């Protein structure tokens, strides 16, 4: 756009300069032609005739019109001064000053008419007693040609300048009008597009073409519309997922809550009469209550995470030692359920800065995910820790059936569940892996998932040098 404006302004100036040169050339040509013609007139027989008339004339105040009439036939005008005062003139106003100046400044022989030129103007003069008589060739062309040459030059330059200014103004108006129309076209399109966006219509592009700066603005506006449309669709999907989450959580809470109420009601009504039966009822109710507590804890954690009220408390720790401690504690809890946890490759130091509580939550969520979805008869979890360049890496693998390949890209999405049907005993909330991804990325790391003899999660966290 700047280049185009620069080119148009440059063309305007050049056009104005060309016009100024042309006008100046024409005016100077006219001036020179007028002076050449005046010189030619000065060389003809008329000056001698004017001299003869003036030499034979007897000055008197009442005879000037008669003398003027005779000079008029020869295309000369008359100017008479008496003692420095004008007493008669038939000259044009612009010639009177020339005649007055010549009468006052030149020396005149007594009673002898002489021909001369003053500033290129042919004149015949006579000093007769107190009278100074001048005859000037009447103008036969433009008036300014018969002025003094210096004055004629100034007038020509002034005329050229005025013409150049007029051309500049005219061309500027034309180019400005053209530029305004070019500028308003995309601006009007942007204004109309903004109105559509205000009304919620993101589907129509601005649709302007060109290589100027407005094309980039329109392209950016179209990109913004596409982004807003994608965000609206994403938010709509997010709201649907939240609605599904609320319905699912309500179902997940209702099931154990119903069980707790049922077993407690059985105890209250005396259905469990033996101590062994009562202990069984209490154990089931307790485990159901623990399941509800875990679900509510995850929802509370997600709420704090979404509102930014869950800061990380980073401290120096060793990833291998942290994983080893988690494996030992989890094996004691999950061993009776037939789950086997194995740690590999941890002896070397694996220093990093991390929030150990949050990394424990990551490992817990991955373990819970494997227990829900691995569908292995005897679940085995293998955790491998190693150093790779500037990252400490953790591999979390199970021996289950994995997940369909088309579902792998969606595992870490918020509220996403592979099986949309509720009621399965393994149905989750769609929060666990999303929380895993959030925590790992908050530590500056990455997490990915793939199938390899089961579902495998690989985590990379920035290492800290010893």
Protein backbone atom coordinates (compact mmCIF):
# COMPACT_ATOMS: atom_id res chain seq x y z
CA UNK A 1 0.00 0.00 0.00
CA UNK A 2 2.81 2.40 0.91
CA UNK A 3 4.50 1.66 -2.41
CA UNK A 4 1.31 2.37 -4.33
CA UNK A 5 0.70 5.65 -2.51
CA UNK A 6 4.32 6.66 -3.08
CA UNK A 7 4.07 5.87 -6.80
CA UNK A 8 0.81 7.77 -7.21
CA UNK A 9 2.14 10.82 -5.37
CA UNK A 10 5.33 10.71 -7.40
CA UNK A 11 3.31 10.55 -10.62
CA UNK A 12 1.25 13.51 -9.41
CA UNK A 13 4.37 15.61 -8.81
CA UNK A 14 5.93 14.58 -12.11
CA UNK A 15 2.74 15.37 -14.00
CA UNK A 16 2.55 18.76 -12.30
CA UNK A 17 6.20 19.50 -13.16
CA UNK A 18 5.63 18.50 -16.80
CA UNK A 19 2.56 20.73 -16.95
CA UNK A 20 4.53 23.57 -15.34
CA UNK A 21 7.34 23.21 -17.88
CA UNK A 22 4.87 23.13 -20.77
CA UNK A 23 3.03 26.21 -19.57
CA UNK A 24 6.28 28.04 -18.88
CA UNK A 25 7.53 27.17 -22.35
CA UNK A 26 4.35 28.43 -23.98
CA UNK A 27 4.33 31.67 -21.99
CA UNK A 28 8.01 32.38 -22.60
CA UNK A 29 7.48 31.66 -26.29
CA UNK A 30 4.65 34.21 -26.37
CA UNK A 31 6.78 36.78 -24.58
CA UNK A 32 9.71 36.27 -26.93
CA UNK A 33 7.42 36.31 -29.95
CA UNK A 34 5.89 39.58 -28.76
CA UNK A 35 9.26 41.21 -28.24
CA UNK A 36 10.52 39.96 -31.62
CA UNK A 37 7.40 41.35 -33.27
CA UNK A 38 7.91 44.63 -31.45
CA UNK A 39 11.48 44.77 -32.70
CA UNK A 40 10.22 44.14 -36.22
CA UNK A 41 7.68 46.92 -35.81
CA UNK A 42 10.39 49.22 -34.60
CA UNK A 43 12.32 48.60 -37.83
CA UNK A 44 9.49 49.53 -40.23
CA UNK A 45 8.67 53.02 -41.64
CA UNK A 46 6.18 54.03 -39.00
CA UNK A 47 8.69 55.46 -36.48
CA UNK A 48 10.01 57.83 -39.14
CA UNK A 49 6.45 58.92 -39.95
CA UNK A 50 5.76 59.52 -36.24
CA UNK A 51 8.98 61.56 -36.01
CA UNK A 52 7.90 63.69 -38.96
CA UNK A 53 4.48 64.35 -37.41
CA UNK A 54 5.99 65.36 -34.08
CA UNK A 55 8.66 67.59 -35.68
CA UNK A 56 5.99 69.55 -37.58
CA UNK A 57 3.56 69.83 -34.72
CA UNK A 58 2.97 73.03 -32.83
CA UNK A 59 2.25 72.11 -29.18
CA UNK A 60 -0.91 73.59 -27.72
CA UNK A 61 -3.28 72.34 -25.03
CA UNK A 62 -6.23 72.17 -27.38
CA UNK A 63 -4.48 70.28 -30.18
CA UNK A 64 -3.61 66.99 -28.41
CA UNK A 65 -6.69 65.11 -29.61
CA UNK A 66 -5.91 66.01 -33.19
CA UNK A 67 -2.30 64.85 -32.79
CA UNK A 68 -3.49 61.66 -31.10
CA UNK A 69 -5.81 60.95 -34.02
CA UNK A 70 -2.93 61.19 -36.51
CA UNK A 71 -0.74 58.90 -34.37
CA UNK A 72 -3.62 56.47 -33.92
CA UNK A 73 -3.66 55.86 -37.68
CA UNK A 74 -0.04 54.60 -37.31
CA UNK A 75 -0.99 52.38 -34.30
CA UNK A 76 0.74 54.72 -31.85
CA UNK A 77 -0.65 56.21 -28.68
CA UNK A 78 0.08 59.70 -27.28
CA UNK A 79 1.43 60.74 -23.86
CA UNK A 80 2.10 64.40 -22.94
CA UNK A 81 3.68 65.85 -19.80
CA UNK A 82 3.97 69.47 -18.79
CA UNK A 83 6.52 70.34 -16.15
CA UNK A 84 6.54 66.76 -14.88
CA UNK A 85 2.73 66.51 -14.81
CA UNK A 86 0.61 64.39 -17.12
CA UNK A 87 -1.73 66.55 -19.22
CA UNK A 88 -2.84 64.08 -21.88
CA UNK A 89 -2.71 60.32 -22.49
CA UNK A 90 -4.39 57.81 -24.78
CA UNK A 91 -2.19 54.92 -23.61
CA UNK A 92 -3.25 51.76 -21.87
CA UNK A 93 -2.86 51.99 -18.09
CA UNK A 94 0.11 49.62 -18.02
CA UNK A 95 1.92 51.81 -20.69
CA UNK A 96 1.51 55.09 -18.79
CA UNK A 97 4.08 54.11 -16.19
CA UNK A 98 6.57 53.24 -18.91
CA UNK A 99 5.97 56.57 -20.66
CA UNK A 100 6.16 58.55 -17.39
CA UNK A 101 9.41 56.82 -16.47
CA UNK A 102 10.92 57.50 -19.91
CA UNK A 103 9.80 61.16 -19.89
CA UNK A 104 11.37 61.76 -16.46
CA UNK A 105 14.58 59.78 -16.78
CA UNK A 106 15.77 60.40 -20.38
CA UNK A 107 17.47 63.52 -21.78
CA UNK A 108 15.77 65.07 -24.75
CA UNK A 109 17.19 67.34 -27.51
CA UNK A 110 15.14 70.52 -28.03
CA UNK A 111 12.55 70.39 -30.84
CA UNK A 112 13.98 67.24 -32.41
CA UNK A 113 11.93 64.02 -32.42
CA UNK A 114 13.97 60.86 -31.79
CA UNK A 115 13.13 57.14 -31.97
CA UNK A 116 14.31 54.73 -29.24
CA UNK A 117 13.34 51.66 -27.24
CA UNK A 118 12.80 51.49 -23.49
CA UNK A 119 12.56 47.96 -22.04
CA UNK A 120 11.99 46.71 -25.58
CA UNK A 121 9.06 49.07 -26.29
CA UNK A 122 9.34 51.24 -29.46
CA UNK A 123 8.89 54.95 -28.63
CA UNK A 124 9.24 58.33 -30.37
CA UNK A 125 9.89 61.34 -28.13
CA UNK A 126 10.06 65.13 -28.48
CA UNK A 127 10.95 67.93 -26.06
CA UNK A 128 9.17 71.09 -27.22
CA UNK A 129 9.37 73.94 -24.78
CA UNK A 130 7.81 72.88 -21.48
CA UNK A 131 6.10 69.92 -23.13
CA UNK A 132 7.46 66.39 -23.25
CA UNK A 133 5.68 64.46 -25.99
CA UNK A 134 5.91 60.65 -26.31
CA UNK A 135 4.38 58.31 -28.87
CA UNK A 136 4.28 54.59 -27.94
CA UNK A 137 3.41 51.70 -30.20
CA UNK A 138 -0.01 50.47 -29.19
CA UNK A 139 -0.14 46.79 -28.05
CA UNK A 140 -1.18 44.38 -30.73
CA UNK A 141 -1.00 41.17 -28.64
CA UNK A 142 -1.34 40.18 -25.02
CA UNK A 143 -0.98 43.16 -22.76
CA UNK A 144 1.83 41.80 -20.64
CA UNK A 145 4.04 41.45 -23.77
CA UNK A 146 4.21 45.23 -23.98
CA UNK A 147 5.39 45.65 -20.42
CA UNK A 148 9.08 45.89 -19.52
CA UNK A 149 10.93 42.67 -20.18
CA UNK A 150 11.68 42.03 -16.48
CA UNK A 151 8.04 42.58 -15.56
CA UNK A 152 6.90 40.35 -18.40
CA UNK A 153 9.24 37.59 -17.18
CA UNK A 154 7.86 37.81 -13.65
CA UNK A 155 4.31 37.68 -14.97
CA UNK A 156 5.18 34.64 -17.07
CA UNK A 157 6.71 32.86 -14.07
CA UNK A 158 3.72 33.77 -11.92
CA UNK A 159 1.33 32.44 -14.55
CA UNK A 160 3.37 29.25 -14.78
CA UNK A 161 3.38 28.81 -11.00
CA UNK A 162 -0.37 29.37 -10.72
CA UNK A 163 -0.97 26.89 -13.52
CA UNK A 164 1.36 24.34 -11.88
CA UNK A 165 -0.45 24.72 -8.55
CA UNK A 166 -3.79 24.29 -10.27
CA UNK A 167 -2.56 21.14 -12.00
CA UNK A 168 -1.16 19.75 -8.75
CA UNK A 169 -4.43 20.41 -6.93
CA UNK A 170 -6.47 18.88 -9.75
CA UNK A 171 -4.32 15.75 -9.99
CA UNK A 172 -4.23 15.41 -6.20
CA UNK A 173 -8.01 15.56 -6.09
CA UNK A 174 -8.27 12.92 -8.81
CA UNK A 175 -5.73 10.57 -7.20
CA UNK A 176 -7.18 11.17 -3.73
CA UNK A 177 -10.67 10.36 -4.94
CA UNK A 178 -9.36 7.16 -6.52
CA UNK A 179 -7.43 6.19 -3.38
CA UNK A 180 -10.40 6.92 -1.12
CA UNK A 181 -12.58 4.62 -3.23
CA UNK A 182 -9.90 1.91 -3.09
CA UNK A 183 -9.53 2.32 0.67
CA UNK A 184 -13.27 2.40 1.37
CA UNK A 185 -13.95 -0.80 -0.56
CA UNK A 186 -12.15 -3.12 1.90
CA UNK A 187 -13.14 -0.95 4.86
CA UNK A 188 -16.80 -1.28 3.92
CA UNK A 189 -16.30 -5.01 3.50
CA UNK A 190 -14.68 -5.19 6.95
CA UNK A 191 -17.49 -3.11 8.48
CA UNK A 192 -20.11 -5.42 6.97
CA UNK A 193 -18.17 -8.48 8.14
CA UNK A 194 -17.95 -7.00 11.65
CA UNK A 195 -21.74 -6.59 11.68
CA UNK A 196 -22.12 -10.24 10.65
CA UNK A 197 -19.75 -11.33 13.40
CA UNK A 198 -21.69 -9.22 15.91
CA UNK A 199 -24.82 -11.11 14.86
CA UNK A 200 -23.03 -14.43 15.27
CA UNK A 201 -22.41 -15.23 11.60
CA UNK A 202 -18.79 -16.40 11.16
CA UNK A 203 -19.27 -18.32 7.93
CA UNK A 204 -18.86 -15.59 5.27
CA UNK A 205 -15.31 -14.41 4.48
CA UNK A 206 -14.57 -10.75 3.80
CA UNK A 207 -13.74 -11.72 0.23
CA UNK A 208 -11.49 -8.81 -0.83
CA UNK A 209 -8.64 -9.35 -3.25
CA UNK A 210 -5.41 -7.49 -3.85
CA UNK A 211 -1.82 -7.25 -2.73
CA UNK A 212 -2.04 -4.15 -0.54
CA UNK A 213 -2.05 -3.91 3.23
CA UNK A 214 -5.82 -4.28 3.40
CA UNK A 215 -5.56 -7.76 1.88
CA UNK A 216 -3.50 -8.81 4.89
CA UNK A 217 -6.01 -7.19 7.26
CA UNK A 218 -8.92 -8.94 5.53
CA UNK A 219 -7.04 -12.25 5.61
CA UNK A 220 -6.39 -11.74 9.33
CA UNK A 221 -10.10 -10.95 9.84
CA UNK A 222 -11.07 -14.13 7.97
CA UNK A 223 -8.62 -16.09 10.12
CA UNK A 224 -10.19 -14.53 13.22
CA UNK A 225 -13.66 -15.57 12.00
CA UNK A 226 -12.46 -19.13 11.46
CA UNK A 227 -10.88 -19.14 14.91
CA UNK A 228 -14.08 -17.78 16.50
CA UNK A 229 -16.14 -20.36 14.65
CA UNK A 230 -13.82 -23.14 15.81
CA UNK A 231 -13.93 -21.80 19.37
CA UNK A 232 -17.72 -21.61 19.29
CA UNK A 233 -17.93 -25.19 18.08
CA UNK A 234 -15.35 -26.19 20.67
CA UNK A 235 -17.29 -24.42 23.43
CA UNK A 236 -20.50 -26.04 22.26
CA UNK A 237 -18.81 -29.45 22.41
CA UNK A 238 -17.35 -28.47 25.78
CA UNK A 239 -20.78 -27.56 27.13
CA UNK A 240 -22.25 -30.81 25.82
CA UNK A 241 -19.40 -32.67 27.50
CA UNK A 242 -20.02 -30.82 30.76
CA UNK A 243 -23.67 -31.73 30.54
CA UNK A 244 -22.75 -35.35 29.91
CA UNK A 245 -20.26 -35.15 32.79
CA UNK A 246 -22.89 -33.89 35.21
CA UNK A 247 -25.26 -36.64 34.10
CA UNK A 248 -22.51 -39.24 34.29
CA UNK A 249 -21.22 -38.09 37.66
CA UNK A 250 -24.76 -38.10 38.97
CA UNK A 251 -25.09 -41.70 37.78
CA UNK A 252 -21.68 -42.67 39.17
CA UNK A 253 -22.53 -41.16 42.55
CA UNK A 254 -26.04 -42.57 42.63
CA UNK A 255 -24.87 -46.16 42.13
CA UNK A 256 -22.49 -46.39 45.14
CA UNK A 257 -24.77 -44.16 47.19
CA UNK A 258 -27.66 -46.54 46.57
CA UNK A 259 -25.41 -49.44 47.59
CA UNK A 260 -24.33 -47.67 50.78
CA UNK A 261 -27.93 -46.88 51.66
CA UNK A 262 -29.00 -50.44 50.88
CA UNK A 263 -26.36 -52.12 53.03
CA UNK A 264 -26.86 -49.65 55.88
CA UNK A 265 -30.60 -50.21 55.65
CA UNK A 266 -29.92 -53.94 55.80
CA UNK A 267 -27.92 -53.45 58.96
CA UNK A 268 -30.61 -51.22 60.40
CA UNK A 269 -33.39 -53.72 59.60
CA UNK A 270 -31.40 -56.64 61.00
CA UNK A 271 -30.95 -58.43 57.65
CA UNK A 272 -27.30 -59.14 58.54
CA UNK A 273 -27.71 -61.04 61.79
CA UNK A 274 -24.31 -62.62 62.22
CA UNK A 275 -21.15 -60.61 63.05
CA UNK A 276 -19.50 -61.90 59.85
CA UNK A 277 -22.45 -60.74 57.75
CA UNK A 278 -22.50 -57.35 59.46
CA UNK A 279 -18.76 -56.90 58.89
CA UNK A 280 -19.27 -57.76 55.20
CA UNK A 281 -22.04 -55.15 54.87
CA UNK A 282 -19.93 -52.49 56.57
CA UNK A 283 -16.90 -53.29 54.39
CA UNK A 284 -18.94 -52.96 51.20
CA UNK A 285 -20.50 -49.69 52.37
CA UNK A 286 -17.07 -48.35 53.28
CA UNK A 287 -15.57 -49.23 49.89
CA UNK A 288 -18.51 -47.62 48.08
CA UNK A 289 -18.10 -44.48 50.19
CA UNK A 290 -14.37 -44.44 49.36
CA UNK A 291 -15.23 -44.65 45.65
CA UNK A 292 -17.54 -41.66 46.00
CA UNK A 293 -14.89 -39.77 47.91
CA UNK A 294 -12.33 -40.43 45.19
CA UNK A 295 -14.73 -39.23 42.51
CA UNK A 296 -15.57 -36.06 44.44
CA UNK A 297 -11.89 -35.42 45.12
CA UNK A 298 -11.16 -35.60 41.40
CA UNK A 299 -13.98 -33.17 40.65
CA UNK A 300 -12.72 -30.78 43.32
CA UNK A 301 -9.19 -31.01 41.92
CA UNK A 302 -10.47 -30.32 38.41
CA UNK A 303 -12.42 -27.28 39.65
CA UNK A 304 -9.33 -25.80 41.32
CA UNK A 305 -7.24 -26.54 38.25
CA UNK A 306 -9.69 -24.80 35.91
CA UNK A 307 -9.89 -21.69 38.11
CA UNK A 308 -6.09 -21.42 38.41
CA UNK A 309 -6.14 -21.99 42.17
CA UNK A 310 -3.78 -24.98 42.05
CA UNK A 311 -0.20 -23.63 41.97
CA UNK A 312 2.78 -25.99 41.73
CA UNK A 313 5.17 -26.25 44.66
CA UNK A 314 8.38 -27.24 42.92
CA UNK A 315 11.19 -28.82 44.86
CA UNK A 316 14.27 -30.82 43.98
CA UNK A 317 13.51 -34.53 43.87
CA UNK A 318 14.56 -37.75 42.17
CA UNK A 319 12.11 -39.25 39.68
CA UNK A 320 13.46 -42.77 40.17
CA UNK A 321 13.09 -42.59 43.95
CA UNK A 322 9.60 -41.06 43.63
CA UNK A 323 8.43 -43.85 41.30
CA UNK A 324 10.03 -46.53 43.50
CA UNK A 325 8.15 -45.22 46.53
CA UNK A 326 4.89 -45.12 44.57
CA UNK A 327 5.37 -48.72 43.37
CA UNK A 328 6.03 -49.96 46.90
CA UNK A 329 3.01 -48.20 48.40
CA UNK A 330 0.67 -49.16 45.54
CA UNK A 331 1.81 -52.81 45.58
CA UNK A 332 0.81 -53.10 49.23
CA UNK A 333 -2.64 -51.73 48.40
CA UNK A 334 -3.25 -53.39 45.03
CA UNK A 335 -1.42 -56.68 45.54
CA UNK A 336 -4.43 -58.33 47.21
CA UNK A 337 -6.48 -57.37 44.12
CA UNK A 338 -4.11 -59.28 41.83
CA UNK A 339 -2.32 -56.23 40.42
CA UNK A 340 1.46 -56.48 39.99
CA UNK A 341 3.62 -53.32 39.74
CA UNK A 342 7.21 -53.56 38.50
CA UNK A 343 9.88 -50.85 38.39
CA UNK A 344 12.73 -50.94 35.85
CA UNK A 345 15.80 -48.81 35.21
CA UNK A 346 15.61 -46.53 38.26
CA UNK A 347 18.96 -46.92 40.17
CA UNK A 348 20.85 -44.02 38.47
CA UNK A 349 20.11 -40.50 39.76
CA UNK A 350 17.21 -38.84 37.94
CA UNK A 351 17.11 -35.32 39.40
CA UNK A 352 14.38 -32.82 38.51
CA UNK A 353 12.30 -30.05 40.06
CA UNK A 354 8.71 -31.10 40.54
CA UNK A 355 5.68 -31.05 42.78
CA UNK A 356 5.86 -34.57 44.23
CA UNK A 357 2.20 -34.54 45.29
CA UNK A 358 1.08 -33.74 41.74
CA UNK A 359 3.35 -36.40 40.20
CA UNK A 360 1.87 -38.90 42.67
CA UNK A 361 -1.53 -37.84 41.36
CA UNK A 362 -0.34 -38.48 37.79
CA UNK A 363 0.82 -42.00 38.67
CA UNK A 364 -2.39 -42.65 40.59
CA UNK A 365 -4.57 -41.53 37.66
CA UNK A 366 -2.62 -43.72 35.24
CA UNK A 367 -2.97 -46.68 37.58
CA UNK A 368 -6.69 -46.06 38.00
CA UNK A 369 -7.07 -45.77 34.21
CA UNK A 370 -5.30 -49.12 33.70
CA UNK A 371 -7.45 -50.84 36.32
CA UNK A 372 -10.60 -49.54 34.64
CA UNK A 373 -9.81 -50.12 30.99
CA UNK A 374 -6.92 -52.60 30.56
CA UNK A 375 -9.32 -55.59 30.73
CA UNK A 376 -6.44 -57.94 31.58
CA UNK A 377 -7.12 -61.12 33.54
CA UNK A 378 -4.02 -60.52 35.66
CA UNK A 379 -3.09 -56.87 35.45
CA UNK A 380 0.61 -56.10 35.31
CA UNK A 381 1.91 -52.53 35.39
CA UNK A 382 5.51 -51.85 34.35
CA UNK A 383 7.12 -48.50 35.17
CA UNK A 384 10.47 -47.69 33.54
CA UNK A 385 12.61 -44.66 34.35
CA UNK A 386 15.61 -43.47 32.27
CA UNK A 387 17.52 -40.36 31.21
CA UNK A 388 17.45 -39.21 27.59
CA UNK A 389 19.41 -36.04 26.76
CA UNK A 390 17.95 -33.16 28.81
CA UNK A 391 14.82 -35.06 29.91
CA UNK A 392 13.94 -37.61 32.54
CA UNK A 393 11.55 -40.09 30.99
CA UNK A 394 8.93 -42.41 32.49
CA UNK A 395 7.22 -45.27 30.66
CA UNK A 396 3.96 -46.54 32.19
CA UNK A 397 2.74 -49.73 30.46
CA UNK A 398 0.04 -52.29 31.14
CA UNK A 399 -0.55 -55.74 29.66
CA UNK A 400 -4.11 -55.06 28.63
CA UNK A 401 -5.81 -54.93 25.25
CA UNK A 402 -4.92 -51.28 24.54
CA UNK A 403 -7.35 -48.93 22.84
CA UNK A 404 -8.45 -48.57 19.20
CA UNK A 405 -5.95 -46.54 17.20
CA UNK A 406 -8.56 -43.94 16.26
CA UNK A 407 -9.13 -43.21 19.96
CA UNK A 408 -5.48 -42.56 20.86
CA UNK A 409 -5.50 -38.85 19.82
CA UNK A 410 -8.50 -38.22 22.10
CA UNK A 411 -7.31 -39.88 25.31
CA UNK A 412 -6.20 -36.62 26.95
CA UNK A 413 -9.21 -34.53 25.93
CA UNK A 414 -11.42 -33.07 28.62
CA UNK A 415 -14.53 -35.19 29.43
CA UNK A 416 -13.69 -37.66 26.65
CA UNK A 417 -14.63 -41.29 27.16
CA UNK A 418 -14.11 -44.02 24.64
CA UNK A 419 -17.37 -45.75 25.48
CA UNK A 420 -20.22 -43.27 25.67
CA UNK A 421 -22.63 -45.77 27.23
CA UNK A 422 -23.08 -45.26 30.94
CA UNK A 423 -23.59 -48.04 33.33
CA UNK A 424 -20.33 -49.93 32.77
CA UNK A 425 -18.52 -50.67 35.98
CA UNK A 426 -15.32 -49.30 34.37
CA UNK A 427 -16.91 -46.09 33.17
CA UNK A 428 -14.83 -43.07 34.24
CA UNK A 429 -15.47 -39.36 34.49
CA UNK A 430 -13.32 -38.30 31.54
CA UNK A 431 -11.09 -36.26 33.86
CA UNK A 432 -8.23 -38.53 34.87
CA UNK A 433 -6.04 -38.36 31.76
CA UNK A 434 -6.89 -34.70 31.18
CA UNK A 435 -5.53 -33.96 34.66
CA UNK A 436 -2.42 -36.02 33.85
CA UNK A 437 -1.74 -33.94 30.74
CA UNK A 438 -2.36 -30.67 32.60
CA UNK A 439 0.08 -31.52 35.40
CA UNK A 440 2.84 -32.77 33.08
CA UNK A 441 2.62 -29.72 30.82
CA UNK A 442 2.61 -27.43 33.87
CA UNK A 443 6.01 -28.99 34.71
CA UNK A 444 7.23 -28.16 31.19
CA UNK A 445 7.00 -31.75 29.99
CA UNK A 446 5.05 -33.84 27.52
CA UNK A 447 2.92 -36.99 27.67
CA UNK A 448 1.84 -39.31 24.86
CA UNK A 449 0.05 -42.65 24.48
CA UNK A 450 0.43 -45.62 22.10
CA UNK A 451 -0.32 -49.32 21.85
CA UNK A 452 2.57 -51.74 22.44
CA UNK A 453 1.43 -55.05 23.95
CA UNK A 454 -1.04 -52.98 25.93
CA UNK A 455 -1.52 -49.25 26.50
CA UNK A 456 1.74 -47.37 27.01
CA UNK A 457 2.10 -43.81 28.34
CA UNK A 458 5.44 -42.03 27.90
CA UNK A 459 6.23 -38.95 30.00
CA UNK A 460 9.17 -36.57 29.49
CA UNK A 461 10.12 -34.03 32.18
CA UNK A 462 12.96 -31.47 32.08
CA UNK A 463 15.95 -32.85 33.98
CA UNK A 464 17.99 -30.84 36.46
CA UNK A 465 21.75 -31.22 36.35
CA UNK A 466 23.59 -32.41 39.44
